[in-house]
Amino acid sequence: MKFLKSKDIRLLSSEAQDKLGRRLAGDTVEQETLPGDVQLYLVKGKPELLRVRGRLVPSLSNNEALDTLPSVAVDMGAIPHV
């Protein structure tokens, strides 16, 4: 695990703003490398973002980031019975 420098945090925050519409809310970011060349970014000790195959995505445990993304509601009547 390594802590990102201020410059790297600004770049990551800018990329998150451009791609996800949300800036990082912290000045301390830890980067952890996971199996499969996945980068996990922790802000204030909580998983905030992942970089998978070069693509930045929000963590599924980060409700604040997920709430800002578009969503779709599907009526159960639209799903055929199996």
Protein backbone atom coordinates (compact mmCIF):
# COMPACT_ATOMS: atom_id res chain seq x y z
CA MET A 1 0.00 0.00 0.00
CA LYS A 2 1.29 3.46 -0.81
CA PHE A 3 0.09 6.98 -0.20
CA LEU A 4 -0.34 9.17 -3.27
CA LYS A 5 1.46 12.50 -3.56
CA SER A 6 -0.59 15.71 -3.72
CA LYS A 7 -0.01 16.03 -7.48
CA ASP A 8 -1.23 12.47 -8.09
CA ILE A 9 -4.29 13.09 -5.90
CA ARG A 10 -5.16 16.19 -7.95
CA LEU A 11 -4.81 14.23 -11.21
CA LEU A 12 -6.95 11.35 -9.90
CA SER A 13 -9.56 13.77 -8.55
CA SER A 14 -9.69 15.60 -11.88
CA GLU A 15 -10.11 12.31 -13.75
CA ALA A 16 -12.89 11.26 -11.34
CA GLN A 17 -14.62 14.60 -11.97
CA ASP A 18 -14.36 14.21 -15.77
CA LYS A 19 -15.45 10.56 -15.93
CA LEU A 20 -17.74 10.17 -12.93
CA GLY A 21 -18.89 13.71 -12.21
CA ARG A 22 -17.44 13.62 -8.70
CA ARG A 23 -14.22 14.85 -7.10
CA LEU A 24 -12.41 13.00 -4.33
CA ALA A 25 -13.36 14.31 -0.89
CA GLY A 26 -10.06 13.95 0.91
CA ASP A 27 -6.46 15.00 0.94
CA THR A 28 -5.04 11.57 1.82
CA VAL A 29 -5.41 8.77 -0.73
CA GLU A 30 -3.95 5.28 -0.38
CA GLN A 31 -3.39 3.06 -3.41
CA GLU A 32 -3.51 -0.71 -3.11
CA THR A 33 -2.71 -3.12 -5.96
CA LEU A 34 -5.10 -6.09 -6.11
CA PRO A 35 -4.81 -9.29 -8.14
CA GLY A 36 -5.49 -8.88 -11.84
CA ASP A 37 -3.68 -5.52 -12.00
CA VAL A 38 -6.58 -3.71 -10.29
CA GLN A 39 -5.80 -0.50 -8.39
CA LEU A 40 -7.93 0.31 -5.35
CA TYR A 41 -7.99 3.90 -4.07
CA LEU A 42 -8.93 4.44 -0.43
CA VAL A 43 -9.99 7.89 0.78
CA LYS A 44 -10.14 8.33 4.54
CA GLY A 45 -9.70 4.55 4.79
CA LYS A 46 -12.79 3.77 2.70
CA PRO A 47 -12.75 2.26 -0.81
CA GLU A 48 -13.68 5.11 -3.16
CA LEU A 49 -12.45 4.17 -6.65
CA LEU A 50 -10.98 1.30 -8.62
CA ARG A 51 -8.98 1.29 -11.81
CA VAL A 52 -9.80 -1.87 -13.77
CA ARG A 53 -8.17 -2.40 -17.17
CA GLY A 54 -7.29 1.29 -17.21
CA ARG A 55 -10.87 2.40 -16.58
CA LEU A 56 -11.79 4.36 -13.45
CA VAL A 57 -14.96 3.10 -11.71
CA PRO A 58 -16.59 3.85 -8.34
CA SER A 59 -16.44 1.26 -5.59
CA LEU A 60 -19.74 -0.56 -5.06
CA SER A 61 -19.44 0.12 -1.34
CA ASN A 62 -19.37 3.88 -2.00
CA ASN A 63 -23.04 4.86 -1.96
CA GLU A 64 -22.35 8.58 -2.40
CA ALA A 65 -20.52 7.99 -5.70
CA LEU A 66 -23.10 5.47 -6.92
CA ASP A 67 -25.96 7.89 -6.20
CA THR A 68 -24.49 10.39 -8.69
CA LEU A 69 -24.51 7.90 -11.58
CA PRO A 70 -27.50 7.40 -13.88
CA SER A 71 -29.86 4.58 -12.96
CA VAL A 72 -32.65 2.61 -14.60
CA ALA A 73 -35.80 1.21 -12.98
CA VAL A 74 -37.36 -1.89 -14.52
CA ASP A 75 -40.97 -2.83 -13.82
CA MET A 76 -41.23 -6.52 -12.87
CA GLY A 77 -43.95 -6.88 -15.52
CA ALA A 78 -41.33 -6.10 -18.14
CA ILE A 79 -39.31 -9.16 -17.12
CA PRO A 80 -40.68 -12.34 -18.73
CA HIS A 81 -41.41 -15.23 -16.40
CA VAL A 82 -39.02 -18.13 -16.76
